[in-house]
């Protein structure tokens, strides 16, 4: 009992630290693409860790179902939203010129030529 509570506390604390890291990244990074990356990756893992900690602490079958649905919903929606925000930021040119590799140049040029 005490070991599970300790494990849940460690998971909850790790999730909170990851969420804090995501928040700091959103404030510190210069452009939308970097902010999106820093907000998506640690935030999803942090939320999953906090939800697993809550699951361990609550120990109910109804709670397990709700936590599982929440985790699945997060894993499905977070990448889709990040992709759409990143694509929109790229189309609006809301980024700095420090991209090491720009893989969307060819795709956007093909789309522009096809639309003409």
N, C-alpha and C. Protein backbone atom coordinates (compact mmCIF):
# COMPACT_ATOMS: atom_id res chain seq x y z
N UNK A 1 0.83 -1.19 0.00
CA UNK A 1 0.00 0.00 0.00
C UNK A 1 0.87 1.26 0.00
N UNK A 2 1.83 1.31 0.88
CA UNK A 2 2.70 2.48 0.96
C UNK A 2 3.60 2.57 -0.28
N UNK A 3 4.04 1.41 -0.78
CA UNK A 3 4.90 1.41 -1.96
C UNK A 3 4.13 1.95 -3.18
N UNK A 4 2.87 1.54 -3.34
CA UNK A 4 2.07 2.05 -4.45
C UNK A 4 1.82 3.54 -4.33
N UNK A 5 1.57 4.01 -3.12
CA UNK A 5 1.37 5.44 -2.92
C UNK A 5 2.64 6.22 -3.23
N UNK A 6 3.78 5.67 -2.84
CA UNK A 6 5.06 6.32 -3.14
C UNK A 6 5.31 6.35 -4.65
N UNK A 7 5.02 5.23 -5.32
CA UNK A 7 5.19 5.16 -6.77
C UNK A 7 4.26 6.15 -7.48
N UNK A 8 3.02 6.24 -7.02
CA UNK A 8 2.08 7.20 -7.59
C UNK A 8 2.56 8.63 -7.37
N UNK A 9 3.13 8.90 -6.22
CA UNK A 9 3.65 10.25 -5.95
C UNK A 9 4.81 10.60 -6.86
N UNK A 10 5.69 9.63 -7.09
CA UNK A 10 6.83 9.86 -7.98
C UNK A 10 6.35 10.11 -9.41
N UNK A 11 5.38 9.32 -9.87
CA UNK A 11 4.84 9.52 -11.21
C UNK A 11 4.15 10.88 -11.33
N UNK A 12 3.38 11.24 -10.32
CA UNK A 12 2.70 12.54 -10.34
C UNK A 12 3.68 13.70 -10.35
N UNK A 13 4.74 13.58 -9.56
CA UNK A 13 5.75 14.64 -9.53
C UNK A 13 6.50 14.72 -10.86
N UNK A 14 6.82 13.57 -11.44
CA UNK A 14 7.50 13.57 -12.74
C UNK A 14 6.61 14.20 -13.81
N UNK A 15 5.32 13.90 -13.78
CA UNK A 15 4.39 14.50 -14.73
C UNK A 15 4.28 16.00 -14.54
N UNK A 16 4.27 16.45 -13.29
CA UNK A 16 4.21 17.89 -13.02
C UNK A 16 5.47 18.59 -13.50
N UNK A 17 6.62 17.96 -13.33
CA UNK A 17 7.88 18.55 -13.80
C UNK A 17 7.88 18.66 -15.33
N UNK A 18 7.37 17.63 -16.00
CA UNK A 18 7.29 17.70 -17.46
C UNK A 18 6.33 18.80 -17.92
N UNK A 19 5.22 18.95 -17.23
CA UNK A 19 4.28 20.02 -17.58
C UNK A 19 4.92 21.39 -17.35
N UNK A 20 5.70 21.52 -16.29
CA UNK A 20 6.42 22.78 -16.03
C UNK A 20 7.45 23.04 -17.13
N UNK A 21 8.13 21.99 -17.56
CA UNK A 21 9.09 22.13 -18.66
C UNK A 21 8.41 22.62 -19.93
N UNK A 22 7.23 22.08 -20.21
CA UNK A 22 6.48 22.52 -21.39
C UNK A 22 6.09 23.98 -21.27
N UNK A 23 5.66 24.40 -20.10
CA UNK A 23 5.26 25.79 -19.90
C UNK A 23 6.45 26.74 -20.05
N UNK A 24 7.59 26.35 -19.53
CA UNK A 24 8.79 27.18 -19.67
C UNK A 24 9.20 27.27 -21.13
N UNK A 25 9.11 26.16 -21.86
CA UNK A 25 9.45 26.17 -23.28
C UNK A 25 8.55 27.07 -24.09
N UNK A 26 7.26 27.10 -23.76
CA UNK A 26 6.33 27.97 -24.48
C UNK A 26 6.70 29.43 -24.28
N UNK A 27 7.15 29.76 -23.10
CA UNK A 27 7.50 31.16 -22.80
C UNK A 27 8.85 31.53 -23.41
N UNK A 28 9.80 30.60 -23.42
CA UNK A 28 11.17 30.93 -23.79
C UNK A 28 11.47 30.87 -25.29
N UNK A 29 10.83 29.98 -26.02
CA UNK A 29 11.20 29.80 -27.42
C UNK A 29 10.68 30.93 -28.29
N UNK A 30 11.40 31.23 -29.40
CA UNK A 30 11.11 32.45 -30.15
C UNK A 30 9.95 32.36 -31.14
N UNK A 31 9.71 31.19 -31.73
CA UNK A 31 8.69 31.14 -32.78
C UNK A 31 7.67 30.04 -32.52
N UNK A 32 6.66 30.01 -33.35
CA UNK A 32 5.53 29.10 -33.14
C UNK A 32 5.94 27.64 -33.26
N UNK A 33 6.79 27.31 -34.22
CA UNK A 33 7.18 25.91 -34.40
C UNK A 33 7.93 25.37 -33.19
N UNK A 34 8.85 26.14 -32.65
CA UNK A 34 9.58 25.70 -31.46
C UNK A 34 8.67 25.63 -30.25
N UNK A 35 7.79 26.60 -30.12
CA UNK A 35 6.84 26.57 -28.99
C UNK A 35 5.91 25.38 -29.09
N UNK A 36 5.46 25.08 -30.29
CA UNK A 36 4.57 23.94 -30.48
C UNK A 36 5.27 22.65 -30.09
N UNK A 37 6.51 22.50 -30.49
CA UNK A 37 7.27 21.30 -30.15
C UNK A 37 7.44 21.17 -28.64
N UNK A 38 7.80 22.27 -28.00
CA UNK A 38 8.03 22.20 -26.55
C UNK A 38 6.73 22.01 -25.78
N UNK A 39 5.63 22.45 -26.33
CA UNK A 39 4.35 22.30 -25.62
C UNK A 39 3.75 20.92 -25.82
N UNK A 40 4.00 20.28 -26.95
CA UNK A 40 3.34 19.02 -27.24
C UNK A 40 4.04 17.83 -26.60
N UNK A 41 5.32 17.69 -26.81
CA UNK A 41 6.01 16.47 -26.38
C UNK A 41 5.99 16.27 -24.87
N UNK A 42 6.53 17.18 -24.07
CA UNK A 42 6.52 16.93 -22.62
C UNK A 42 5.14 17.03 -21.99
N UNK A 43 4.25 17.81 -22.59
CA UNK A 43 2.92 17.96 -22.02
C UNK A 43 2.15 16.66 -22.10
N UNK A 44 2.23 15.96 -23.22
CA UNK A 44 1.51 14.70 -23.38
C UNK A 44 2.06 13.65 -22.42
N UNK A 45 3.37 13.51 -22.36
CA UNK A 45 3.96 12.54 -21.44
C UNK A 45 3.66 12.91 -19.99
N UNK A 46 3.73 14.20 -19.67
CA UNK A 46 3.42 14.64 -18.31
C UNK A 46 1.98 14.33 -17.93
N UNK A 47 1.05 14.57 -18.83
CA UNK A 47 -0.35 14.27 -18.55
C UNK A 47 -0.56 12.78 -18.36
N UNK A 48 0.09 11.97 -19.19
CA UNK A 48 -0.05 10.52 -19.04
C UNK A 48 0.50 10.06 -17.70
N UNK A 49 1.64 10.60 -17.29
CA UNK A 49 2.20 10.22 -15.99
C UNK A 49 1.28 10.61 -14.84
N UNK A 50 0.71 11.79 -14.91
CA UNK A 50 -0.22 12.23 -13.85
C UNK A 50 -1.47 11.36 -13.84
N UNK A 51 -1.98 11.01 -15.01
CA UNK A 51 -3.16 10.15 -15.06
C UNK A 51 -2.87 8.74 -14.55
N UNK A 52 -1.70 8.20 -14.86
CA UNK A 52 -1.34 6.88 -14.34
C UNK A 52 -1.17 6.95 -12.82
N UNK A 53 -0.59 8.04 -12.33
CA UNK A 53 -0.47 8.21 -10.88
C UNK A 53 -1.85 8.27 -10.23
N UNK A 54 -2.78 8.96 -10.85
CA UNK A 54 -4.15 9.00 -10.31
C UNK A 54 -4.79 7.63 -10.36
N UNK A 55 -4.53 6.88 -11.41
CA UNK A 55 -5.08 5.53 -11.54
C UNK A 55 -4.54 4.62 -10.43
N UNK A 56 -3.25 4.70 -10.17
CA UNK A 56 -2.66 3.89 -9.11
C UNK A 56 -3.24 4.28 -7.76
N UNK A 57 -3.42 5.55 -7.56
CA UNK A 57 -3.92 6.04 -6.27
C UNK A 57 -5.40 5.70 -6.07
N UNK A 58 -6.21 5.78 -7.11
CA UNK A 58 -7.65 5.57 -6.97
C UNK A 58 -8.04 4.09 -6.94
N UNK A 59 -7.42 3.29 -7.78
CA UNK A 59 -7.61 1.84 -7.80
C UNK A 59 -9.05 1.39 -8.03
N UNK A 60 -9.80 2.07 -8.85
CA UNK A 60 -11.17 1.66 -9.13
C UNK A 60 -11.33 1.27 -10.59
N UNK A 61 -12.21 0.33 -10.89
CA UNK A 61 -12.37 -0.11 -12.28
C UNK A 61 -13.02 0.98 -13.13
N UNK A 62 -13.95 1.73 -12.56
CA UNK A 62 -14.56 2.85 -13.29
C UNK A 62 -13.51 3.93 -13.55
N UNK A 63 -12.67 4.18 -12.56
CA UNK A 63 -11.60 5.16 -12.73
C UNK A 63 -10.60 4.72 -13.79
N UNK A 64 -10.32 3.42 -13.83
CA UNK A 64 -9.38 2.90 -14.83
C UNK A 64 -9.91 3.11 -16.24
N UNK A 65 -11.19 2.92 -16.43
CA UNK A 65 -11.78 3.14 -17.74
C UNK A 65 -11.70 4.59 -18.17
N UNK A 66 -12.01 5.49 -17.26
CA UNK A 66 -11.96 6.92 -17.58
C UNK A 66 -10.53 7.39 -17.86
N UNK A 67 -9.58 6.89 -17.07
CA UNK A 67 -8.18 7.27 -17.28
C UNK A 67 -7.69 6.72 -18.62
N UNK A 68 -8.05 5.49 -18.94
CA UNK A 68 -7.64 4.90 -20.21
C UNK A 68 -8.22 5.67 -21.39
N UNK A 69 -9.48 6.04 -21.31
CA UNK A 69 -10.10 6.84 -22.38
C UNK A 69 -9.41 8.19 -22.50
N UNK A 70 -9.07 8.81 -21.37
CA UNK A 70 -8.38 10.11 -21.40
C UNK A 70 -7.01 10.00 -22.04
N UNK A 71 -6.28 8.94 -21.71
CA UNK A 71 -4.95 8.74 -22.29
C UNK A 71 -5.05 8.51 -23.80
N UNK A 72 -5.97 7.67 -24.22
CA UNK A 72 -6.14 7.39 -25.65
C UNK A 72 -6.55 8.66 -26.40
N UNK A 73 -7.47 9.42 -25.83
CA UNK A 73 -7.90 10.66 -26.47
C UNK A 73 -6.74 11.65 -26.60
N UNK A 74 -5.92 11.73 -25.57
CA UNK A 74 -4.75 12.62 -25.61
C UNK A 74 -3.75 12.17 -26.67
N UNK A 75 -3.49 10.87 -26.73
CA UNK A 75 -2.53 10.35 -27.70
C UNK A 75 -3.03 10.51 -29.14
N UNK A 76 -4.33 10.54 -29.33
CA UNK A 76 -4.87 10.72 -30.68
C UNK A 76 -4.91 12.19 -31.07
N UNK A 77 -5.35 13.05 -30.18
CA UNK A 77 -5.59 14.44 -30.55
C UNK A 77 -4.35 15.33 -30.51
N UNK A 78 -3.43 15.10 -29.60
CA UNK A 78 -2.27 15.99 -29.47
C UNK A 78 -1.41 16.04 -30.74
N UNK A 79 -1.05 14.92 -31.36
CA UNK A 79 -0.26 15.02 -32.59
C UNK A 79 -1.02 15.68 -33.74
N UNK A 80 -2.32 15.44 -33.82
CA UNK A 80 -3.11 16.04 -34.90
C UNK A 80 -3.16 17.56 -34.75
N UNK A 81 -3.41 18.01 -33.53
CA UNK A 81 -3.46 19.46 -33.28
C UNK A 81 -2.10 20.09 -33.52
N UNK A 82 -1.04 19.44 -33.05
CA UNK A 82 0.31 19.99 -33.26
C UNK A 82 0.64 20.06 -34.74
N UNK A 83 0.24 19.06 -35.50
CA UNK A 83 0.49 19.08 -36.93
C UNK A 83 -0.25 20.23 -37.61
N UNK A 84 -1.49 20.42 -37.27
CA UNK A 84 -2.28 21.50 -37.88
C UNK A 84 -1.73 22.87 -37.49
N UNK A 85 -1.37 23.05 -36.24
CA UNK A 85 -0.81 24.34 -35.81
C UNK A 85 0.52 24.59 -36.50
N UNK A 86 1.35 23.56 -36.60
CA UNK A 86 2.63 23.71 -37.27
C UNK A 86 2.48 24.03 -38.74
N UNK A 87 1.56 23.37 -39.40
CA UNK A 87 1.33 23.63 -40.82
C UNK A 87 0.82 25.05 -41.04
N UNK A 88 -0.09 25.49 -40.19
CA UNK A 88 -0.61 26.86 -40.30
C UNK A 88 0.49 27.89 -40.04
N UNK A 89 1.32 27.64 -39.03
CA UNK A 89 2.42 28.56 -38.74
C UNK A 89 3.39 28.61 -39.91
N UNK A 90 3.63 27.48 -40.55
CA UNK A 90 4.51 27.45 -41.71
C UNK A 90 3.91 28.23 -42.88
N UNK A 91 2.63 28.05 -43.12
CA UNK A 91 1.97 28.75 -44.22
C UNK A 91 1.93 30.25 -43.98
N UNK A 92 1.79 30.65 -42.75
CA UNK A 92 1.75 32.08 -42.41
C UNK A 92 3.15 32.67 -42.24
N UNK A 93 4.18 31.85 -42.40
CA UNK A 93 5.58 32.26 -42.24
C UNK A 93 5.84 32.83 -40.85
N UNK A 94 5.23 32.24 -39.85
CA UNK A 94 5.40 32.68 -38.46
C UNK A 94 6.51 31.86 -37.81
N UNK A 95 7.74 32.06 -38.31
CA UNK A 95 8.88 31.31 -37.80
C UNK A 95 10.15 32.10 -38.06
N UNK A 96 11.19 31.75 -37.34
CA UNK A 96 12.48 32.38 -37.56
C UNK A 96 13.18 31.67 -38.72
N UNK A 97 14.25 32.22 -39.16
CA UNK A 97 14.99 31.66 -40.29
C UNK A 97 16.06 30.68 -39.84
N UNK A 98 15.87 30.01 -38.72
CA UNK A 98 16.89 29.10 -38.21
C UNK A 98 16.54 27.63 -38.45
N UNK A 99 15.61 27.35 -39.36
CA UNK A 99 15.28 25.96 -39.65
C UNK A 99 16.48 25.28 -40.30
N UNK A 100 16.92 24.19 -39.73
CA UNK A 100 18.07 23.48 -40.28
C UNK A 100 17.69 22.76 -41.57
N UNK A 101 16.53 22.13 -41.58
CA UNK A 101 16.04 21.41 -42.75
C UNK A 101 14.60 21.84 -42.97
N UNK A 102 14.30 22.27 -44.18
CA UNK A 102 12.95 22.70 -44.51
C UNK A 102 12.36 21.72 -45.52
N UNK A 103 11.68 20.70 -45.02
CA UNK A 103 11.16 19.64 -45.89
C UNK A 103 9.86 20.02 -46.57
N UNK A 104 9.22 21.08 -46.14
CA UNK A 104 7.94 21.45 -46.73
C UNK A 104 8.06 22.36 -47.94
N UNK A 105 9.26 22.80 -48.29
CA UNK A 105 9.43 23.71 -49.42
C UNK A 105 8.93 23.06 -50.71
N UNK A 106 9.36 21.83 -50.97
CA UNK A 106 8.96 21.15 -52.20
C UNK A 106 7.45 20.92 -52.23
N UNK A 107 6.88 20.51 -51.11
CA UNK A 107 5.44 20.24 -51.08
C UNK A 107 4.62 21.50 -51.30
N UNK A 108 5.02 22.59 -50.68
CA UNK A 108 4.25 23.83 -50.85
C UNK A 108 4.40 24.39 -52.25
N UNK A 109 5.59 24.22 -52.87
CA UNK A 109 5.76 24.67 -54.25
C UNK A 109 4.89 23.84 -55.19
N UNK A 110 4.80 22.52 -54.96
CA UNK A 110 3.94 21.67 -55.79
C UNK A 110 2.48 22.05 -55.62
N UNK A 111 2.06 22.35 -54.40
CA UNK A 111 0.67 22.76 -54.16
C UNK A 111 0.37 24.08 -54.84
N UNK A 112 1.32 25.01 -54.81
CA UNK A 112 1.11 26.31 -55.46
C UNK A 112 0.98 26.14 -56.98
N UNK A 113 1.83 25.30 -57.57
CA UNK A 113 1.76 25.08 -59.01
C UNK A 113 0.48 24.35 -59.41
N UNK A 114 0.03 23.43 -58.58
CA UNK A 114 -1.19 22.67 -58.89
C UNK A 114 -2.44 23.54 -58.78
N UNK A 115 -2.40 24.53 -57.90
CA UNK A 115 -3.57 25.39 -57.72
C UNK A 115 -3.70 26.44 -58.82
N UNK A 116 -2.66 26.64 -59.61
CA UNK A 116 -2.70 27.65 -60.68
C UNK A 116 -3.28 27.11 -61.93
